[in-house]
């Protein structure tokens, strides 16, 4: 029973909200099949959909960075299997106009090795929308930011993250201040004990 439920969950269409954006249809790619060249493809990850552009011959161009954006990974060209990471692949069809196939592929490859990933302004979906239509946009980010609860969680997460990623100079200055304060307390305590012994 658990295996059946897990299979249904895997095969269900990825959930998204258009937010008054374009209409789209996400179709599950049959196992062993290849998408059309210049297809906008996606694969579900934990908490988000990962996007890429299929450039033909079993290759995909995508932003390799993870959703958390902790590492500045590049735009890279990888195999379809590497892109999917063992998950199902979907193709996205939309009612919006896009460039001709050759131009979409040229645009995708023109940004290979770029390392300017930013979760809210330049993620994998922004990259695909730019390749297809010339305007970087992420409907996932727009949907997320439209939710007040989600926005509060993001702000808390970013504040925690900024505390963990202070520059090394700031960390060492803070550590030095704490050490000198401890030394002053020790010295003050030593002098107080010496004064009591002398009296």
C-alpha atoms as a PDB file:
ATOM      1  CA  UNK A   1       0.000   0.000   0.000  1.00  0.00           C
ATOM      2  CA  UNK A   2       2.815   2.397   0.916  1.00  0.00           C
ATOM      3  CA  UNK A   3       4.543   1.696  -2.421  1.00  0.00           C
ATOM      4  CA  UNK A   4       1.328   2.491  -4.318  1.00  0.00           C
ATOM      5  CA  UNK A   5       0.876   5.778  -2.449  1.00  0.00           C
ATOM      6  CA  UNK A   6       4.499   6.718  -3.111  1.00  0.00           C
ATOM      7  CA  UNK A   7       4.106   5.875  -6.831  1.00  0.00           C
ATOM      8  CA  UNK A   8       0.946   8.041  -7.043  1.00  0.00           C
ATOM      9  CA  UNK A   9       2.784  10.874  -5.354  1.00  0.00           C
ATOM     10  CA  UNK A  10       5.685  10.555  -7.851  1.00  0.00           C
ATOM     11  CA  UNK A  11       3.375  10.500 -10.880  1.00  0.00           C
ATOM     12  CA  UNK A  12       1.132  13.378  -9.832  1.00  0.00           C
ATOM     13  CA  UNK A  13       1.510  16.631 -11.739  1.00  0.00           C
ATOM     14  CA  UNK A  14       3.757  19.164  -9.966  1.00  0.00           C
ATOM     15  CA  UNK A  15       1.653  21.710  -8.125  1.00  0.00           C
ATOM     16  CA  UNK A  16       1.884  25.379  -8.963  1.00  0.00           C
ATOM     17  CA  UNK A  17      -0.230  28.505  -9.079  1.00  0.00           C
ATOM     18  CA  UNK A  18      -0.146  30.814 -12.091  1.00  0.00           C
ATOM     19  CA  UNK A  19      -0.752  34.025 -10.086  1.00  0.00           C
ATOM     20  CA  UNK A  20      -2.568  35.563 -13.037  1.00  0.00           C
ATOM     21  CA  UNK A  21       0.417  34.600 -15.168  1.00  0.00           C
ATOM     22  CA  UNK A  22       0.430  32.407 -18.239  1.00  0.00           C
ATOM     23  CA  UNK A  23      -1.497  29.223 -18.600  1.00  0.00           C
ATOM     24  CA  UNK A  24       0.690  26.177 -18.842  1.00  0.00           C
ATOM     25  CA  UNK A  25       0.451  22.454 -19.088  1.00  0.00           C
ATOM     26  CA  UNK A  26       3.086  20.260 -17.480  1.00  0.00           C
ATOM     27  CA  UNK A  27       3.252  16.833 -19.122  1.00  0.00           C
ATOM     28  CA  UNK A  28       5.069  13.843 -17.675  1.00  0.00           C
ATOM     29  CA  UNK A  29       7.798  12.684 -20.025  1.00  0.00           C
ATOM     30  CA  UNK A  30       7.475   8.923 -20.624  1.00  0.00           C
ATOM     31  CA  UNK A  31      10.435   6.942 -19.304  1.00  0.00           C
ATOM     32  CA  UNK A  32      13.137   6.584 -21.954  1.00  0.00           C
ATOM     33  CA  UNK A  33      11.677   9.382 -24.114  1.00  0.00           C
ATOM     34  CA  UNK A  34      13.502  12.596 -24.997  1.00  0.00           C
ATOM     35  CA  UNK A  35      11.896  16.041 -24.942  1.00  0.00           C
ATOM     36  CA  UNK A  36      11.847  18.212 -28.068  1.00  0.00           C
ATOM     37  CA  UNK A  37      14.929  20.418 -28.484  1.00  0.00           C
ATOM     38  CA  UNK A  38      14.480  23.788 -26.698  1.00  0.00           C
ATOM     39  CA  UNK A  39      11.820  22.307 -24.405  1.00  0.00           C
ATOM     40  CA  UNK A  40      11.373  23.829 -20.956  1.00  0.00           C
ATOM     41  CA  UNK A  41      11.750  20.834 -18.649  1.00  0.00           C
ATOM     42  CA  UNK A  42      11.381  20.494 -14.903  1.00  0.00           C
ATOM     43  CA  UNK A  43      11.758  17.955 -12.179  1.00  0.00           C
ATOM     44  CA  UNK A  44      10.301  18.069  -8.661  1.00  0.00           C
ATOM     45  CA  UNK A  45      12.726  18.596  -5.801  1.00  0.00           C
ATOM     46  CA  UNK A  46      12.012  18.924  -2.097  1.00  0.00           C
ATOM     47  CA  UNK A  47       9.826  22.046  -1.830  1.00  0.00           C
ATOM     48  CA  UNK A  48      10.304  23.396  -5.361  1.00  0.00           C
ATOM     49  CA  UNK A  49      10.498  22.560  -9.060  1.00  0.00           C
ATOM     50  CA  UNK A  50      13.913  22.580 -10.747  1.00  0.00           C
ATOM     51  CA  UNK A  51      13.944  23.984 -14.317  1.00  0.00           C
ATOM     52  CA  UNK A  52      16.172  23.481 -17.331  1.00  0.00           C
ATOM     53  CA  UNK A  53      16.301  23.843 -21.113  1.00  0.00           C
ATOM     54  CA  UNK A  54      16.675  20.663 -23.153  1.00  0.00           C
ATOM     55  CA  UNK A  55      19.254  21.358 -25.885  1.00  0.00           C
ATOM     56  CA  UNK A  56      19.082  18.011 -27.697  1.00  0.00           C
ATOM     57  CA  UNK A  57      21.199  14.843 -27.825  1.00  0.00           C
ATOM     58  CA  UNK A  58      20.405  13.991 -24.200  1.00  0.00           C
ATOM     59  CA  UNK A  59      21.764  17.310 -22.827  1.00  0.00           C
ATOM     60  CA  UNK A  60      20.206  19.960 -20.555  1.00  0.00           C
ATOM     61  CA  UNK A  61      21.393  23.480 -19.690  1.00  0.00           C
ATOM     62  CA  UNK A  62      20.361  24.570 -16.193  1.00  0.00           C
ATOM     63  CA  UNK A  63      21.437  26.563 -13.163  1.00  0.00           C
ATOM     64  CA  UNK A  64      23.195  23.995 -10.991  1.00  0.00           C
ATOM     65  CA  UNK A  65      22.692  25.954  -7.746  1.00  0.00           C
ATOM     66  CA  UNK A  66      20.365  24.548  -5.118  1.00  0.00           C
ATOM     67  CA  UNK A  67      17.293  26.434  -3.932  1.00  0.00           C
ATOM     68  CA  UNK A  68      19.038  27.644  -0.804  1.00  0.00           C
ATOM     69  CA  UNK A  69      21.628  29.340  -2.967  1.00  0.00           C
ATOM     70  CA  UNK A  70      24.406  28.752  -0.450  1.00  0.00           C
ATOM     71  CA  UNK A  71      26.889  27.893  -3.166  1.00  0.00           C
ATOM     72  CA  UNK A  72      27.468  29.905  -6.330  1.00  0.00           C
ATOM     73  CA  UNK A  73      27.140  26.979  -8.729  1.00  0.00           C
ATOM     74  CA  UNK A  74      27.290  27.766 -12.451  1.00  0.00           C
ATOM     75  CA  UNK A  75      24.926  27.425 -15.350  1.00  0.00           C
ATOM     76  CA  UNK A  76      26.038  24.112 -16.802  1.00  0.00           C
ATOM     77  CA  UNK A  77      25.266  21.646 -19.564  1.00  0.00           C
ATOM     78  CA  UNK A  78      24.653  18.141 -18.203  1.00  0.00           C
ATOM     79  CA  UNK A  79      23.065  14.881 -19.248  1.00  0.00           C
ATOM     80  CA  UNK A  80      19.322  14.433 -18.912  1.00  0.00           C
ATOM     81  CA  UNK A  81      19.949  11.810 -16.196  1.00  0.00           C
ATOM     82  CA  UNK A  82      22.183  14.188 -14.203  1.00  0.00           C
ATOM     83  CA  UNK A  83      19.534  16.897 -14.435  1.00  0.00           C
ATOM     84  CA  UNK A  84      16.770  14.560 -13.216  1.00  0.00           C
ATOM     85  CA  UNK A  85      18.796  13.036 -10.336  1.00  0.00           C
ATOM     86  CA  UNK A  86      16.583   9.951 -10.387  1.00  0.00           C
ATOM     87  CA  UNK A  87      13.307  11.901 -10.422  1.00  0.00           C
ATOM     88  CA  UNK A  88      10.625  12.086 -13.104  1.00  0.00           C
ATOM     89  CA  UNK A  89      10.916  14.769 -15.801  1.00  0.00           C
ATOM     90  CA  UNK A  90       8.102  17.012 -16.976  1.00  0.00           C
ATOM     91  CA  UNK A  91       7.853  19.232 -20.037  1.00  0.00           C
ATOM     92  CA  UNK A  92       6.156  22.608 -19.737  1.00  0.00           C
ATOM     93  CA  UNK A  93       3.937  23.993 -22.484  1.00  0.00           C
ATOM     94  CA  UNK A  94       2.632  27.540 -22.219  1.00  0.00           C
ATOM     95  CA  UNK A  95       0.454  29.955 -24.148  1.00  0.00           C
ATOM     96  CA  UNK A  96       3.178  32.629 -24.132  1.00  0.00           C
ATOM     97  CA  UNK A  97       5.220  33.324 -27.260  1.00  0.00           C
ATOM     98  CA  UNK A  98       8.843  32.250 -27.251  1.00  0.00           C
ATOM     99  CA  UNK A  99      11.935  32.407 -29.435  1.00  0.00           C
ATOM    100  CA  UNK A 100      12.564  29.893 -32.217  1.00  0.00           C
ATOM    101  CA  UNK A 101      14.158  26.610 -31.029  1.00  0.00           C
ATOM    102  CA  UNK A 102      17.653  27.409 -32.306  1.00  0.00           C
ATOM    103  CA  UNK A 103      17.590  30.804 -30.557  1.00  0.00           C
ATOM    104  CA  UNK A 104      16.418  29.276 -27.258  1.00  0.00           C
ATOM    105  CA  UNK A 105      19.297  26.776 -27.374  1.00  0.00           C
ATOM    106  CA  UNK A 106      21.807  29.496 -28.359  1.00  0.00           C
ATOM    107  CA  UNK A 107      20.627  31.712 -25.471  1.00  0.00           C
ATOM    108  CA  UNK A 108      20.874  28.830 -22.974  1.00  0.00           C
ATOM    109  CA  UNK A 109      24.396  27.896 -24.031  1.00  0.00           C
ATOM    110  CA  UNK A 110      25.510  31.537 -24.048  1.00  0.00           C
ATOM    111  CA  UNK A 111      25.236  31.618 -20.252  1.00  0.00           C
ATOM    112  CA  UNK A 112      27.096  28.366 -19.489  1.00  0.00           C
ATOM    113  CA  UNK A 113      29.645  28.918 -16.660  1.00  0.00           C
ATOM    114  CA  UNK A 114      27.792  32.016 -15.378  1.00  0.00           C
ATOM    115  CA  UNK A 115      27.822  32.037 -11.563  1.00  0.00           C
ATOM    116  CA  UNK A 116      25.309  34.746 -10.633  1.00  0.00           C
ATOM    117  CA  UNK A 117      22.654  32.549  -9.038  1.00  0.00           C
ATOM    118  CA  UNK A 118      20.356  34.371  -6.634  1.00  0.00           C
ATOM    119  CA  UNK A 119      17.349  32.575  -5.211  1.00  0.00           C
ATOM    120  CA  UNK A 120      14.903  35.465  -5.558  1.00  0.00           C
ATOM    121  CA  UNK A 121      16.255  37.220  -8.665  1.00  0.00           C
ATOM    122  CA  UNK A 122      18.244  34.801 -10.826  1.00  0.00           C
ATOM    123  CA  UNK A 123      17.342  31.171 -10.215  1.00  0.00           C
ATOM    124  CA  UNK A 124      16.787  28.216 -12.566  1.00  0.00           C
ATOM    125  CA  UNK A 125      13.264  29.327 -13.522  1.00  0.00           C
ATOM    126  CA  UNK A 126      14.400  32.916 -14.182  1.00  0.00           C
ATOM    127  CA  UNK A 127      17.094  31.421 -16.440  1.00  0.00           C
ATOM    128  CA  UNK A 128      14.605  29.300 -18.441  1.00  0.00           C
ATOM    129  CA  UNK A 129      12.118  32.145 -18.867  1.00  0.00           C
ATOM    130  CA  UNK A 130      14.948  34.375 -20.139  1.00  0.00           C
ATOM    131  CA  UNK A 131      16.066  31.702 -22.610  1.00  0.00           C
ATOM    132  CA  UNK A 132      12.536  31.185 -23.912  1.00  0.00           C
ATOM    133  CA  UNK A 133      11.082  34.703 -23.853  1.00  0.00           C
ATOM    134  CA  UNK A 134      13.850  37.201 -23.070  1.00  0.00           C
ATOM    135  CA  UNK A 135      12.442  38.209 -19.668  1.00  0.00           C
ATOM    136  CA  UNK A 136      13.770  36.611 -16.477  1.00  0.00           C
ATOM    137  CA  UNK A 137      10.818  35.635 -14.295  1.00  0.00           C
ATOM    138  CA  UNK A 138      10.099  33.028 -11.632  1.00  0.00           C
ATOM    139  CA  UNK A 139       6.464  32.170 -10.976  1.00  0.00           C
ATOM    140  CA  UNK A 140       7.537  30.013  -8.011  1.00  0.00           C
ATOM    141  CA  UNK A 141       9.199  33.019  -6.355  1.00  0.00           C
ATOM    142  CA  UNK A 142       6.221  35.270  -7.120  1.00  0.00           C
ATOM    143  CA  UNK A 143       3.850  32.711  -5.603  1.00  0.00           C
ATOM    144  CA  UNK A 144       6.074  32.289  -2.560  1.00  0.00           C
ATOM    145  CA  UNK A 145       6.405  36.041  -1.948  1.00  0.00           C
ATOM    146  CA  UNK A 146       2.645  36.520  -2.323  1.00  0.00           C
ATOM    147  CA  UNK A 147       2.148  34.447   0.829  1.00  0.00           C
ATOM    148  CA  UNK A 148       2.692  36.422   4.046  1.00  0.00           C
ATOM    149  CA  UNK A 149       3.469  33.289   6.046  1.00  0.00           C
ATOM    150  CA  UNK A 150       6.043  32.185   3.495  1.00  0.00           C
ATOM    151  CA  UNK A 151       7.543  35.667   3.416  1.00  0.00           C
ATOM    152  CA  UNK A 152       7.932  35.695   7.207  1.00  0.00           C
ATOM    153  CA  UNK A 153       9.613  32.283   7.102  1.00  0.00           C
ATOM    154  CA  UNK A 154      11.979  33.533   4.423  1.00  0.00           C
ATOM    155  CA  UNK A 155      12.898  36.605   6.464  1.00  0.00           C
ATOM    156  CA  UNK A 156      13.589  34.472   9.545  1.00  0.00           C
ATOM    157  CA  UNK A 157      15.652  32.049   7.477  1.00  0.00           C
ATOM    158  CA  UNK A 158      17.668  34.859   5.878  1.00  0.00           C
ATOM    159  CA  UNK A 159      18.344  36.464   9.260  1.00  0.00           C
ATOM    160  CA  UNK A 160      19.589  33.129  10.613  1.00  0.00           C
ATOM    161  CA  UNK A 161      21.627  32.580   7.474  1.00  0.00           C
ATOM    162  CA  UNK A 162      23.214  36.025   7.649  1.00  0.00           C
ATOM    163  CA  UNK A 163      24.262  35.302  11.241  1.00  0.00           C
ATOM    164  CA  UNK A 164      25.959  32.094  10.097  1.00  0.00           C
ATOM    165  CA  UNK A 165      27.714  33.684   7.148  1.00  0.00           C
ATOM    166  CA  UNK A 166      29.340  36.733   8.743  1.00  0.00           C
ATOM    167  CA  UNK A 167      32.610  37.705   7.098  1.00  0.00           C
ATOM    168  CA  UNK A 168      35.693  36.113   8.667  1.00  0.00           C
ATOM    169  CA  UNK A 169      37.014  39.521   9.782  1.00  0.00           C
ATOM    170  CA  UNK A 170      33.781  40.176  11.713  1.00  0.00           C
ATOM    171  CA  UNK A 171      33.891  36.731  13.315  1.00  0.00           C
ATOM    172  CA  UNK A 172      37.529  37.101  14.379  1.00  0.00           C
ATOM    173  CA  UNK A 173      36.919  40.643  15.712  1.00  0.00           C
ATOM    174  CA  UNK A 174      33.963  39.338  17.744  1.00  0.00           C
ATOM    175  CA  UNK A 175      36.034  36.454  19.083  1.00  0.00           C
ATOM    176  CA  UNK A 176      38.879  38.817  19.988  1.00  0.00           C
ATOM    177  CA  UNK A 177      36.465  41.113  21.855  1.00  0.00           C
ATOM    178  CA  UNK A 178      35.081  38.151  23.815  1.00  0.00           C
ATOM    179  CA  UNK A 179      38.620  36.948  24.666  1.00  0.00           C
ATOM    180  CA  UNK A 180      39.730  40.392  25.896  1.00  0.00           C
ATOM    181  CA  UNK A 181      36.557  40.706  28.024  1.00  0.00           C
ATOM    182  CA  UNK A 182      37.281  37.304  29.601  1.00  0.00           C
ATOM    183  CA  UNK A 183      40.882  38.333  30.293  1.00  0.00           C
ATOM    184  CA  UNK A 184      39.738  41.588  31.944  1.00  0.00           C
ATOM    185  CA  UNK A 185      37.366  39.624  34.177  1.00  0.00           C
ATOM    186  CA  UNK A 186      40.096  37.168  35.089  1.00  0.00           C
ATOM    187  CA  UNK A 187      42.572  39.953  35.831  1.00  0.00           C
ATOM    188  CA  UNK A 188      39.993  41.871  37.858  1.00  0.00           C
ATOM    189  CA  UNK A 189      39.138  38.719  39.830  1.00  0.00           C
ATOM    190  CA  UNK A 190      42.841  37.969  40.405  1.00  0.00           C
ATOM    191  CA  UNK A 191      43.483  41.485  41.695  1.00  0.00           C
ATOM    192  CA  UNK A 192      40.467  41.293  43.995  1.00  0.00           C
ATOM    193  CA  UNK A 193      41.714  37.969  45.422  1.00  0.00           C
ATOM    194  CA  UNK A 194      45.256  39.375  45.827  1.00  0.00           C
ATOM    195  CA  UNK A 195      43.788  42.437  47.620  1.00  0.00           C
ATOM    196  CA  UNK A 196      41.849  40.208  50.024  1.00  0.00           C
ATOM    197  CA  UNK A 197      44.934  38.107  50.773  1.00  0.00           C
ATOM    198  CA  UNK A 198      47.051  41.228  51.431  1.00  0.00           C
ATOM    199  CA  UNK A 199      44.478  42.676  53.829  1.00  0.00           C
END
